[in-house]
Amino acid sequence: MSLPLILASSSPFRRGLMQNAGLRFEAIAADIDERAIEAPLEQQGATPDQVALVLAEAKALDVSRRFPDAVILGSDQTMSLGARVYHKPKGRQEASENLLSLAGKTHQLNSAIVLARGGEILVREVAHARLTMRPFTPEFVETYLDRVGETIFKSVGGYQLEGEGIQLFSAIDGDYFTIVGLPMLPLLEHLRNLGVIDA
């Protein structure tokens, strides 16, 4: 009999990815304050990978304490350019500044998964995708922001690759699942190794 699996998230997008992969699971949101966890990490000079892992661990462990017999999946993603970690823009001006800071450069998406059971970490992994934005002008950014509207506040980089955001890029190195924040191929491999799903 396979172990029960719980996704420590209320994200309908992550739920959809797992359902589409044929996984049987429950989704239960973690009760953590992500910004309160993240702020001291950044002050201590934590790497973008470390930030993503700590947040994913916090989610997995929070739910694991409530459901100790299940395997809990926590996940998180950071977006970085060198040592700088980006956050969802709070307004149009910040979105514009972020996009211009990324123009002509290659930034990285760091997607962490953590599996826990009984309050203990079983698996920690970070997958990466590298995305290169083409050079563009401030005028182009303003036009782009006019077109996409409120969707800029839904993603850290102010873009959504499945929409008009694809026009910002000249190259993408990484699989779709890592880009959207849930690296399914390593996740499925770990779940098979743990006996959660059939090998």
N, C-alpha and C. Protein backbone atom coordinates (compact mmCIF):
# COMPACT_ATOMS: atom_id res chain seq x y z
N MET A 1 0.85 -1.19 0.00
CA MET A 1 0.00 0.00 0.00
C MET A 1 0.88 1.24 0.00
N SER A 2 0.63 2.16 -0.92
CA SER A 2 1.46 3.35 -1.04
C SER A 2 1.15 4.35 0.08
N LEU A 3 2.14 5.16 0.38
CA LEU A 3 1.97 6.17 1.43
C LEU A 3 1.10 7.32 0.91
N PRO A 4 0.27 7.91 1.79
CA PRO A 4 -0.52 9.07 1.36
C PRO A 4 0.40 10.26 1.07
N LEU A 5 -0.01 11.06 0.10
CA LEU A 5 0.78 12.21 -0.33
C LEU A 5 -0.05 13.48 -0.13
N ILE A 6 0.58 14.51 0.44
CA ILE A 6 -0.09 15.79 0.64
C ILE A 6 0.77 16.90 0.04
N LEU A 7 0.16 17.74 -0.75
CA LEU A 7 0.80 18.94 -1.28
C LEU A 7 0.58 20.07 -0.29
N ALA A 8 1.67 20.63 0.25
CA ALA A 8 1.57 21.69 1.25
C ALA A 8 1.39 23.04 0.56
N SER A 9 0.26 23.17 -0.12
CA SER A 9 0.00 24.40 -0.88
C SER A 9 -1.47 24.47 -1.24
N SER A 10 -1.96 25.70 -1.37
CA SER A 10 -3.33 25.89 -1.86
C SER A 10 -3.32 26.35 -3.31
N SER A 11 -2.13 26.34 -3.95
CA SER A 11 -2.00 26.83 -5.32
C SER A 11 -2.78 25.95 -6.30
N PRO A 12 -3.78 26.50 -6.99
CA PRO A 12 -4.51 25.70 -7.97
C PRO A 12 -3.61 25.28 -9.13
N PHE A 13 -2.59 26.08 -9.42
CA PHE A 13 -1.68 25.76 -10.52
C PHE A 13 -0.86 24.52 -10.19
N ARG A 14 -0.27 24.48 -8.98
CA ARG A 14 0.52 23.30 -8.59
C ARG A 14 -0.39 22.06 -8.48
N ARG A 15 -1.59 22.26 -7.95
CA ARG A 15 -2.55 21.14 -7.88
C ARG A 15 -2.81 20.59 -9.28
N GLY A 16 -3.01 21.49 -10.23
CA GLY A 16 -3.30 21.07 -11.59
C GLY A 16 -2.15 20.29 -12.21
N LEU A 17 -0.93 20.73 -11.98
CA LEU A 17 0.23 20.01 -12.51
C LEU A 17 0.29 18.59 -11.97
N MET A 18 0.03 18.45 -10.67
CA MET A 18 0.09 17.12 -10.06
C MET A 18 -1.07 16.23 -10.51
N GLN A 19 -2.25 16.82 -10.64
CA GLN A 19 -3.39 16.05 -11.13
C GLN A 19 -3.16 15.58 -12.55
N ASN A 20 -2.61 16.47 -13.38
CA ASN A 20 -2.34 16.11 -14.78
C ASN A 20 -1.32 14.98 -14.89
N ALA A 21 -0.42 14.88 -13.89
CA ALA A 21 0.58 13.81 -13.88
C ALA A 21 0.02 12.50 -13.33
N GLY A 22 -1.25 12.50 -12.94
CA GLY A 22 -1.89 11.28 -12.45
C GLY A 22 -1.61 10.97 -11.00
N LEU A 23 -1.15 11.95 -10.22
CA LEU A 23 -0.86 11.71 -8.81
C LEU A 23 -2.13 11.79 -7.97
N ARG A 24 -2.20 10.92 -6.97
CA ARG A 24 -3.31 10.96 -6.01
C ARG A 24 -2.78 11.63 -4.76
N PHE A 25 -3.43 12.71 -4.33
CA PHE A 25 -2.91 13.49 -3.21
C PHE A 25 -4.01 14.38 -2.66
N GLU A 26 -3.75 14.93 -1.50
CA GLU A 26 -4.57 16.00 -0.93
C GLU A 26 -3.76 17.29 -0.99
N ALA A 27 -4.42 18.42 -0.99
CA ALA A 27 -3.74 19.71 -0.93
C ALA A 27 -4.16 20.42 0.35
N ILE A 28 -3.19 20.72 1.21
CA ILE A 28 -3.44 21.39 2.49
C ILE A 28 -2.41 22.50 2.64
N ALA A 29 -2.87 23.72 2.71
CA ALA A 29 -1.95 24.86 2.75
C ALA A 29 -1.15 24.88 4.04
N ALA A 30 0.12 25.22 3.92
CA ALA A 30 0.96 25.44 5.09
C ALA A 30 0.60 26.77 5.74
N ASP A 31 0.72 26.82 7.06
CA ASP A 31 0.42 28.04 7.80
C ASP A 31 1.73 28.69 8.26
N ILE A 32 2.40 29.35 7.31
CA ILE A 32 3.68 30.00 7.63
C ILE A 32 3.66 31.43 7.08
N ASP A 33 4.52 32.26 7.63
CA ASP A 33 4.69 33.64 7.14
C ASP A 33 5.97 33.66 6.30
N GLU A 34 5.81 33.55 4.99
CA GLU A 34 6.96 33.42 4.10
C GLU A 34 7.90 34.62 4.19
N ARG A 35 7.34 35.82 4.22
CA ARG A 35 8.21 37.00 4.26
C ARG A 35 8.99 37.07 5.57
N ALA A 36 8.38 36.65 6.67
CA ALA A 36 9.07 36.67 7.96
C ALA A 36 10.22 35.67 7.98
N ILE A 37 10.07 34.56 7.27
CA ILE A 37 11.13 33.57 7.18
C ILE A 37 12.23 34.06 6.24
N GLU A 38 11.81 34.69 5.16
CA GLU A 38 12.75 35.08 4.10
C GLU A 38 13.62 36.27 4.49
N ALA A 39 13.07 37.24 5.20
CA ALA A 39 13.80 38.49 5.50
C ALA A 39 15.14 38.24 6.20
N PRO A 40 15.19 37.48 7.30
CA PRO A 40 16.49 37.27 7.94
C PRO A 40 17.46 36.47 7.08
N LEU A 41 16.94 35.58 6.23
CA LEU A 41 17.82 34.82 5.35
C LEU A 41 18.58 35.75 4.41
N GLU A 42 17.84 36.70 3.84
CA GLU A 42 18.47 37.63 2.91
C GLU A 42 19.47 38.53 3.63
N GLN A 43 19.15 38.92 4.87
CA GLN A 43 20.08 39.74 5.65
C GLN A 43 21.36 38.98 5.96
N GLN A 44 21.25 37.67 6.11
CA GLN A 44 22.42 36.83 6.41
C GLN A 44 23.19 36.45 5.15
N GLY A 45 22.71 36.88 3.99
CA GLY A 45 23.41 36.59 2.75
C GLY A 45 23.15 35.21 2.20
N ALA A 46 21.98 34.64 2.52
CA ALA A 46 21.63 33.32 1.98
C ALA A 46 21.54 33.38 0.46
N THR A 47 21.93 32.29 -0.19
CA THR A 47 21.84 32.22 -1.65
C THR A 47 20.38 32.06 -2.07
N PRO A 48 20.05 32.38 -3.32
CA PRO A 48 18.69 32.15 -3.80
C PRO A 48 18.24 30.69 -3.65
N ASP A 49 19.17 29.74 -3.87
CA ASP A 49 18.85 28.32 -3.67
C ASP A 49 18.46 28.06 -2.22
N GLN A 50 19.25 28.60 -1.30
CA GLN A 50 18.99 28.38 0.13
C GLN A 50 17.64 28.97 0.55
N VAL A 51 17.32 30.14 0.03
CA VAL A 51 16.03 30.76 0.35
C VAL A 51 14.88 29.87 -0.11
N ALA A 52 14.96 29.39 -1.36
CA ALA A 52 13.90 28.53 -1.88
C ALA A 52 13.77 27.25 -1.06
N LEU A 53 14.90 26.66 -0.69
CA LEU A 53 14.86 25.41 0.09
C LEU A 53 14.29 25.62 1.48
N VAL A 54 14.70 26.69 2.15
CA VAL A 54 14.20 26.95 3.51
C VAL A 54 12.69 27.16 3.49
N LEU A 55 12.19 27.90 2.51
CA LEU A 55 10.75 28.12 2.41
C LEU A 55 10.01 26.82 2.11
N ALA A 56 10.55 26.01 1.20
CA ALA A 56 9.92 24.72 0.89
C ALA A 56 9.93 23.81 2.11
N GLU A 57 11.04 23.81 2.86
CA GLU A 57 11.12 23.00 4.08
C GLU A 57 10.10 23.46 5.11
N ALA A 58 9.97 24.76 5.28
CA ALA A 58 9.03 25.28 6.27
C ALA A 58 7.61 24.84 5.95
N LYS A 59 7.25 24.87 4.69
CA LYS A 59 5.91 24.43 4.28
C LYS A 59 5.72 22.94 4.54
N ALA A 60 6.71 22.14 4.12
CA ALA A 60 6.59 20.69 4.29
C ALA A 60 6.53 20.30 5.76
N LEU A 61 7.37 20.91 6.58
CA LEU A 61 7.41 20.54 8.00
C LEU A 61 6.16 21.00 8.74
N ASP A 62 5.61 22.16 8.38
CA ASP A 62 4.39 22.64 9.03
C ASP A 62 3.25 21.65 8.83
N VAL A 63 3.07 21.19 7.61
CA VAL A 63 1.97 20.25 7.33
C VAL A 63 2.31 18.86 7.87
N SER A 64 3.60 18.51 7.84
CA SER A 64 4.02 17.18 8.33
C SER A 64 3.72 17.01 9.82
N ARG A 65 3.83 18.08 10.58
CA ARG A 65 3.54 17.98 12.01
C ARG A 65 2.07 17.69 12.26
N ARG A 66 1.23 18.14 11.34
CA ARG A 66 -0.22 17.90 11.48
C ARG A 66 -0.64 16.55 10.92
N PHE A 67 0.13 16.05 9.94
CA PHE A 67 -0.21 14.78 9.28
C PHE A 67 1.06 13.92 9.22
N PRO A 68 1.50 13.38 10.37
CA PRO A 68 2.81 12.72 10.45
C PRO A 68 2.93 11.44 9.63
N ASP A 69 1.82 10.80 9.27
CA ASP A 69 1.91 9.53 8.54
C ASP A 69 1.99 9.71 7.03
N ALA A 70 1.78 10.93 6.56
CA ALA A 70 1.79 11.18 5.11
C ALA A 70 3.15 11.72 4.66
N VAL A 71 3.41 11.56 3.39
CA VAL A 71 4.56 12.23 2.77
C VAL A 71 4.08 13.60 2.31
N ILE A 72 4.79 14.63 2.74
CA ILE A 72 4.37 16.01 2.47
C ILE A 72 5.32 16.64 1.47
N LEU A 73 4.75 17.26 0.46
CA LEU A 73 5.54 17.97 -0.55
C LEU A 73 5.44 19.47 -0.30
N GLY A 74 6.60 20.08 -0.01
CA GLY A 74 6.69 21.54 0.06
C GLY A 74 7.48 22.02 -1.14
N SER A 75 7.09 23.14 -1.71
CA SER A 75 7.84 23.67 -2.85
C SER A 75 7.86 25.18 -2.79
N ASP A 76 8.91 25.74 -3.37
CA ASP A 76 9.00 27.19 -3.48
C ASP A 76 9.98 27.52 -4.60
N GLN A 77 9.90 28.76 -5.07
CA GLN A 77 10.77 29.18 -6.16
C GLN A 77 11.27 30.59 -5.89
N THR A 78 12.54 30.81 -6.18
CA THR A 78 13.07 32.16 -6.17
C THR A 78 13.54 32.50 -7.58
N MET A 79 13.57 33.80 -7.85
CA MET A 79 14.08 34.29 -9.13
C MET A 79 15.27 35.18 -8.81
N SER A 80 16.39 34.93 -9.47
CA SER A 80 17.60 35.65 -9.11
C SER A 80 18.40 36.10 -10.33
N LEU A 81 19.08 37.20 -10.15
CA LEU A 81 20.06 37.70 -11.10
C LEU A 81 21.33 37.93 -10.30
N GLY A 82 22.29 37.02 -10.42
CA GLY A 82 23.44 37.05 -9.53
C GLY A 82 22.97 36.79 -8.12
N ALA A 83 23.34 37.65 -7.18
CA ALA A 83 22.94 37.48 -5.78
C ALA A 83 21.58 38.12 -5.48
N ARG A 84 21.06 38.90 -6.41
CA ARG A 84 19.80 39.60 -6.16
C ARG A 84 18.61 38.66 -6.32
N VAL A 85 17.75 38.66 -5.32
CA VAL A 85 16.52 37.88 -5.36
C VAL A 85 15.35 38.84 -5.61
N TYR A 86 14.53 38.50 -6.59
CA TYR A 86 13.39 39.34 -6.95
C TYR A 86 12.13 38.86 -6.25
N HIS A 87 11.18 39.79 -6.06
CA HIS A 87 9.89 39.48 -5.47
C HIS A 87 8.78 39.97 -6.41
N LYS A 88 7.56 39.54 -6.14
CA LYS A 88 6.45 40.04 -6.95
C LYS A 88 6.39 41.56 -6.84
N PRO A 89 6.26 42.26 -7.96
CA PRO A 89 6.22 43.72 -7.90
C PRO A 89 4.99 44.22 -7.16
N LYS A 90 5.18 45.26 -6.36
CA LYS A 90 4.07 45.82 -5.59
C LYS A 90 3.30 46.87 -6.38
N GLY A 91 3.86 47.31 -7.47
CA GLY A 91 3.19 48.31 -8.29
C GLY A 91 3.79 48.34 -9.68
N ARG A 92 3.18 49.13 -10.55
CA ARG A 92 3.63 49.19 -11.94
C ARG A 92 5.06 49.71 -12.05
N GLN A 93 5.41 50.72 -11.25
CA GLN A 93 6.75 51.29 -11.31
C GLN A 93 7.81 50.23 -10.99
N GLU A 94 7.56 49.45 -9.94
CA GLU A 94 8.50 48.41 -9.57
C GLU A 94 8.60 47.34 -10.66
N ALA A 95 7.46 47.00 -11.26
CA ALA A 95 7.46 46.02 -12.35
C ALA A 95 8.31 46.52 -13.51
N SER A 96 8.15 47.79 -13.84
CA SER A 96 8.92 48.39 -14.93
C SER A 96 10.42 48.36 -14.61
N GLU A 97 10.78 48.76 -13.40
CA GLU A 97 12.19 48.77 -12.99
C GLU A 97 12.79 47.36 -13.01
N ASN A 98 12.01 46.38 -12.55
CA ASN A 98 12.50 45.01 -12.56
C ASN A 98 12.78 44.52 -13.97
N LEU A 99 11.83 44.76 -14.87
CA LEU A 99 12.00 44.30 -16.25
C LEU A 99 13.21 44.97 -16.90
N LEU A 100 13.38 46.26 -16.68
CA LEU A 100 14.52 46.96 -17.27
C LEU A 100 15.85 46.46 -16.69
N SER A 101 15.84 46.05 -15.41
CA SER A 101 17.07 45.51 -14.82
C SER A 101 17.43 44.15 -15.39
N LEU A 102 16.45 43.46 -15.97
CA LEU A 102 16.66 42.13 -16.53
C LEU A 102 16.95 42.15 -18.03
N ALA A 103 16.66 43.27 -18.68
CA ALA A 103 16.79 43.36 -20.14
C ALA A 103 18.23 43.09 -20.57
N GLY A 104 18.38 42.20 -21.56
CA GLY A 104 19.69 41.87 -22.10
C GLY A 104 20.52 40.97 -21.20
N LYS A 105 19.93 40.43 -20.14
CA LYS A 105 20.68 39.62 -19.17
C LYS A 105 20.01 38.25 -19.00
N THR A 106 20.76 37.34 -18.40
CA THR A 106 20.25 35.99 -18.11
C THR A 106 20.00 35.87 -16.61
N HIS A 107 18.73 35.62 -16.25
CA HIS A 107 18.41 35.40 -14.84
C HIS A 107 18.05 33.93 -14.63
N GLN A 108 17.92 33.56 -13.37
CA GLN A 108 17.73 32.15 -13.03
C GLN A 108 16.48 31.96 -12.17
N LEU A 109 15.76 30.90 -12.45
CA LEU A 109 14.66 30.46 -11.61
C LEU A 109 15.14 29.24 -10.83
N ASN A 110 14.96 29.29 -9.52
CA ASN A 110 15.45 28.26 -8.61
C ASN A 110 14.25 27.60 -7.95
N SER A 111 13.90 26.40 -8.39
CA SER A 111 12.67 25.73 -7.95
C SER A 111 13.01 24.59 -7.00
N ALA A 112 12.62 24.77 -5.73
CA ALA A 112 12.95 23.79 -4.69
C ALA A 112 11.76 22.89 -4.40
N ILE A 113 12.08 21.61 -4.19
CA ILE A 113 11.09 20.67 -3.66
C ILE A 113 11.67 20.02 -2.41
N VAL A 114 10.81 19.81 -1.44
CA VAL A 114 11.18 19.13 -0.20
C VAL A 114 10.09 18.13 0.13
N LEU A 115 10.49 16.91 0.44
CA LEU A 115 9.55 15.88 0.89
C LEU A 115 9.85 15.57 2.35
N ALA A 116 8.81 15.55 3.17
CA ALA A 116 8.97 15.30 4.60
C ALA A 116 7.95 14.26 5.06
N ARG A 117 8.29 13.57 6.15
CA ARG A 117 7.34 12.65 6.79
C ARG A 117 7.66 12.59 8.26
N GLY A 118 6.64 12.68 9.08
CA GLY A 118 6.82 12.59 10.52
C GLY A 118 7.71 13.69 11.08
N GLY A 119 7.67 14.85 10.45
CA GLY A 119 8.47 15.97 10.93
C GLY A 119 9.93 15.91 10.53
N GLU A 120 10.30 14.96 9.66
CA GLU A 120 11.69 14.84 9.20
C GLU A 120 11.78 15.02 7.70
N ILE A 121 12.86 15.67 7.26
CA ILE A 121 13.09 15.89 5.83
C ILE A 121 13.61 14.60 5.20
N LEU A 122 12.98 14.17 4.12
CA LEU A 122 13.41 12.98 3.38
C LEU A 122 14.20 13.35 2.13
N VAL A 123 13.78 14.43 1.48
CA VAL A 123 14.37 14.84 0.19
C VAL A 123 14.44 16.35 0.13
N ARG A 124 15.57 16.87 -0.37
CA ARG A 124 15.71 18.30 -0.65
C ARG A 124 16.37 18.41 -2.02
N GLU A 125 15.78 19.18 -2.90
CA GLU A 125 16.38 19.34 -4.23
C GLU A 125 15.98 20.68 -4.83
N VAL A 126 16.91 21.27 -5.57
CA VAL A 126 16.63 22.50 -6.30
C VAL A 126 16.96 22.27 -7.77
N ALA A 127 16.00 22.59 -8.63
CA ALA A 127 16.22 22.54 -10.08
C ALA A 127 16.30 23.97 -10.60
N HIS A 128 17.04 24.15 -11.68
CA HIS A 128 17.27 25.50 -12.20
C HIS A 128 16.86 25.63 -13.66
N ALA A 129 16.41 26.84 -13.98
CA ALA A 129 16.17 27.22 -15.38
C ALA A 129 16.82 28.59 -15.58
N ARG A 130 17.44 28.78 -16.73
CA ARG A 130 18.10 30.05 -17.05
C ARG A 130 17.37 30.70 -18.21
N LEU A 131 16.93 31.93 -18.00
CA LEU A 131 16.13 32.64 -18.99
C LEU A 131 16.84 33.94 -19.38
N THR A 132 17.01 34.15 -20.67
CA THR A 132 17.69 35.34 -21.17
C THR A 132 16.68 36.28 -21.81
N MET A 133 16.61 37.49 -21.27
CA MET A 133 15.74 38.51 -21.86
C MET A 133 16.50 39.25 -22.96
N ARG A 134 15.80 39.58 -24.01
CA ARG A 134 16.41 40.37 -25.08
C ARG A 134 16.53 41.82 -24.62
N PRO A 135 17.39 42.59 -25.23
CA PRO A 135 17.42 44.02 -24.91
C PRO A 135 16.13 44.70 -25.37
N PHE A 136 15.59 45.58 -24.57
CA PHE A 136 14.41 46.36 -24.97
C PHE A 136 14.43 47.71 -24.29
N THR A 137 13.62 48.61 -24.80
CA THR A 137 13.64 50.00 -24.35
C THR A 137 12.60 50.23 -23.25
N PRO A 138 12.74 51.33 -22.50
CA PRO A 138 11.71 51.69 -21.53
C PRO A 138 10.35 51.88 -22.19
N GLU A 139 10.34 52.38 -23.42
CA GLU A 139 9.08 52.58 -24.14
C GLU A 139 8.39 51.24 -24.41
N PHE A 140 9.18 50.24 -24.79
CA PHE A 140 8.60 48.92 -25.02
C PHE A 140 8.00 48.37 -23.73
N VAL A 141 8.71 48.55 -22.61
CA VAL A 141 8.22 48.05 -21.33
C VAL A 141 6.87 48.68 -20.98
N GLU A 142 6.75 49.99 -21.18
CA GLU A 142 5.49 50.67 -20.87
C GLU A 142 4.35 50.14 -21.73
N THR A 143 4.63 49.91 -23.01
CA THR A 143 3.61 49.35 -23.91
C THR A 143 3.23 47.94 -23.48
N TYR A 144 4.24 47.16 -23.12
CA TYR A 144 4.01 45.79 -22.66
C TYR A 144 3.15 45.79 -21.39
N LEU A 145 3.48 46.65 -20.45
CA LEU A 145 2.71 46.70 -19.19
C LEU A 145 1.27 47.16 -19.44
N ASP A 146 1.08 48.08 -20.39
CA ASP A 146 -0.28 48.49 -20.75
C ASP A 146 -1.09 47.30 -21.24
N ARG A 147 -0.46 46.44 -22.04
CA ARG A 147 -1.18 45.32 -22.65
C ARG A 147 -1.51 44.22 -21.65
N VAL A 148 -0.55 43.90 -20.76
CA VAL A 148 -0.77 42.74 -19.89
C VAL A 148 -1.53 43.08 -18.61
N GLY A 149 -1.57 44.35 -18.24
CA GLY A 149 -2.40 44.78 -17.11
C GLY A 149 -2.02 44.13 -15.79
N GLU A 150 -3.03 43.69 -15.05
CA GLU A 150 -2.85 43.21 -13.68
C GLU A 150 -2.06 41.90 -13.59
N THR A 151 -1.87 41.20 -14.71
CA THR A 151 -1.15 39.92 -14.64
C THR A 151 0.30 40.12 -14.20
N ILE A 152 0.83 41.34 -14.32
CA ILE A 152 2.22 41.57 -13.92
C ILE A 152 2.44 41.34 -12.43
N PHE A 153 1.37 41.44 -11.64
CA PHE A 153 1.50 41.28 -10.19
C PHE A 153 1.40 39.82 -9.74
N LYS A 154 1.16 38.91 -10.69
CA LYS A 154 0.97 37.51 -10.34
C LYS A 154 2.26 36.69 -10.40
N SER A 155 3.31 37.25 -11.01
CA SER A 155 4.56 36.52 -11.10
C SER A 155 5.71 37.41 -10.67
N VAL A 156 6.76 36.77 -10.17
CA VAL A 156 7.89 37.51 -9.61
C VAL A 156 8.53 38.42 -10.65
N GLY A 157 8.70 37.90 -11.86
CA GLY A 157 9.38 38.68 -12.88
C GLY A 157 8.49 39.64 -13.64
N GLY A 158 7.20 39.65 -13.33
CA GLY A 158 6.29 40.50 -14.06
C GLY A 158 6.00 39.98 -15.46
N TYR A 159 6.25 38.71 -15.67
CA TYR A 159 5.98 38.11 -16.98
C TYR A 159 5.34 36.74 -16.78
N GLN A 160 4.63 36.31 -17.79
CA GLN A 160 4.08 34.95 -17.82
C GLN A 160 4.40 34.38 -19.19
N LEU A 161 5.23 33.34 -19.19
CA LEU A 161 5.73 32.81 -20.45
C LEU A 161 4.64 32.28 -21.36
N GLU A 162 3.54 31.83 -20.75
CA GLU A 162 2.46 31.27 -21.57
C GLU A 162 1.66 32.35 -22.26
N GLY A 163 1.91 33.62 -21.91
CA GLY A 163 1.21 34.75 -22.54
C GLY A 163 2.20 35.64 -23.28
N GLU A 164 1.93 36.94 -23.25
CA GLU A 164 2.77 37.88 -23.98
C GLU A 164 4.16 38.01 -23.40
N GLY A 165 4.37 37.51 -22.20
CA GLY A 165 5.69 37.55 -21.61
C GLY A 165 6.76 36.87 -22.45
N ILE A 166 6.35 35.93 -23.30
CA ILE A 166 7.32 35.23 -24.15
C ILE A 166 8.04 36.22 -25.07
N GLN A 167 7.42 37.36 -25.35
CA GLN A 167 8.04 38.34 -26.24
C GLN A 167 9.26 39.02 -25.60
N LEU A 168 9.45 38.87 -24.31
CA LEU A 168 10.58 39.49 -23.61
C LEU A 168 11.87 38.71 -23.77
N PHE A 169 11.80 37.47 -24.27
CA PHE A 169 12.93 36.56 -24.18
C PHE A 169 13.60 36.27 -25.52
N SER A 170 14.92 36.01 -25.41
CA SER A 170 15.68 35.57 -26.58
C SER A 170 16.13 34.13 -26.45
N ALA A 171 16.21 33.60 -25.22
CA ALA A 171 16.63 32.21 -25.01
C ALA A 171 16.11 31.70 -23.67
N ILE A 172 15.78 30.40 -23.64
CA ILE A 172 15.31 29.76 -22.41
C ILE A 172 16.00 28.41 -22.30
N ASP A 173 16.64 28.16 -21.16
CA ASP A 173 17.34 26.90 -20.92
C ASP A 173 16.78 26.29 -19.64
N GLY A 174 15.89 25.31 -19.80
CA GLY A 174 15.27 24.68 -18.65
C GLY A 174 13.92 24.11 -19.03
N ASP A 175 13.47 23.11 -18.27
CA ASP A 175 12.19 22.49 -18.62
C ASP A 175 11.01 23.31 -18.07
N TYR A 176 9.88 23.09 -18.68
CA TYR A 176 8.66 23.85 -18.37
C TYR A 176 8.30 23.78 -16.89
N PHE A 177 8.39 22.60 -16.30
CA PHE A 177 7.95 22.41 -14.91
C PHE A 177 8.85 23.17 -13.93
N THR A 178 10.14 23.20 -14.21
CA THR A 178 11.05 23.97 -13.37
C THR A 178 10.73 25.46 -13.49
N ILE A 179 10.44 25.90 -14.71
CA ILE A 179 10.13 27.30 -14.94
C ILE A 179 8.89 27.73 -14.17
N VAL A 180 7.88 26.87 -14.13
CA VAL A 180 6.64 27.25 -13.45
C VAL A 180 6.66 26.92 -11.96
N GLY A 181 7.77 26.36 -11.46
CA GLY A 181 7.94 26.25 -10.02
C GLY A 181 7.70 24.90 -9.38
N LEU A 182 7.50 23.83 -10.19
CA LEU A 182 7.34 22.50 -9.60
C LEU A 182 8.04 21.48 -10.51
N PRO A 183 9.34 21.24 -10.27
CA PRO A 183 10.10 20.34 -11.16
C PRO A 183 9.60 18.89 -11.05
N MET A 184 8.74 18.52 -11.98
CA MET A 184 8.02 17.25 -11.88
C MET A 184 8.90 16.03 -12.09
N LEU A 185 9.89 16.09 -12.98
CA LEU A 185 10.68 14.89 -13.26
C LEU A 185 11.46 14.43 -12.03
N PRO A 186 12.22 15.29 -11.35
CA PRO A 186 12.86 14.82 -10.11
C PRO A 186 11.85 14.47 -9.02
N LEU A 187 10.74 15.20 -8.96
CA LEU A 187 9.72 14.88 -7.95
C LEU A 187 9.19 13.47 -8.14
N LEU A 188 8.83 13.11 -9.37
CA LEU A 188 8.29 11.78 -9.64
C LEU A 188 9.30 10.69 -9.31
N GLU A 189 10.58 10.95 -9.63
CA GLU A 189 11.62 9.98 -9.32
C GLU A 189 11.73 9.77 -7.80
N HIS A 190 11.70 10.85 -7.03
CA HIS A 190 11.77 10.72 -5.58
C HIS A 190 10.54 9.99 -5.02
N LEU A 191 9.37 10.28 -5.57
CA LEU A 191 8.15 9.61 -5.10
C LEU A 191 8.20 8.12 -5.40
N ARG A 192 8.77 7.74 -6.55
CA ARG A 192 8.93 6.31 -6.85
C ARG A 192 9.91 5.67 -5.87
N ASN A 193 11.01 6.35 -5.59
CA ASN A 193 12.01 5.80 -4.67
C ASN A 193 11.48 5.63 -3.26
N LEU A 194 10.55 6.49 -2.87
CA LEU A 194 9.98 6.42 -1.51
C LEU A 194 8.78 5.48 -1.44
N GLY A 195 8.37 4.94 -2.58
CA GLY A 195 7.23 4.03 -2.59
C GLY A 195 5.89 4.71 -2.53
N VAL A 196 5.88 6.03 -2.81
CA VAL A 196 4.61 6.77 -2.81
C VAL A 196 3.81 6.46 -4.06
N ILE A 197 4.52 6.29 -5.18
CA ILE A 197 3.86 5.90 -6.44
C ILE A 197 4.59 4.66 -6.97
N ASP A 198 3.93 3.97 -7.88
CA ASP A 198 4.51 2.74 -8.42
C ASP A 198 5.75 3.02 -9.26
N ALA A 199 6.73 2.15 -9.10
CA ALA A 199 7.99 2.29 -9.87
C ALA A 199 7.79 1.81 -11.30
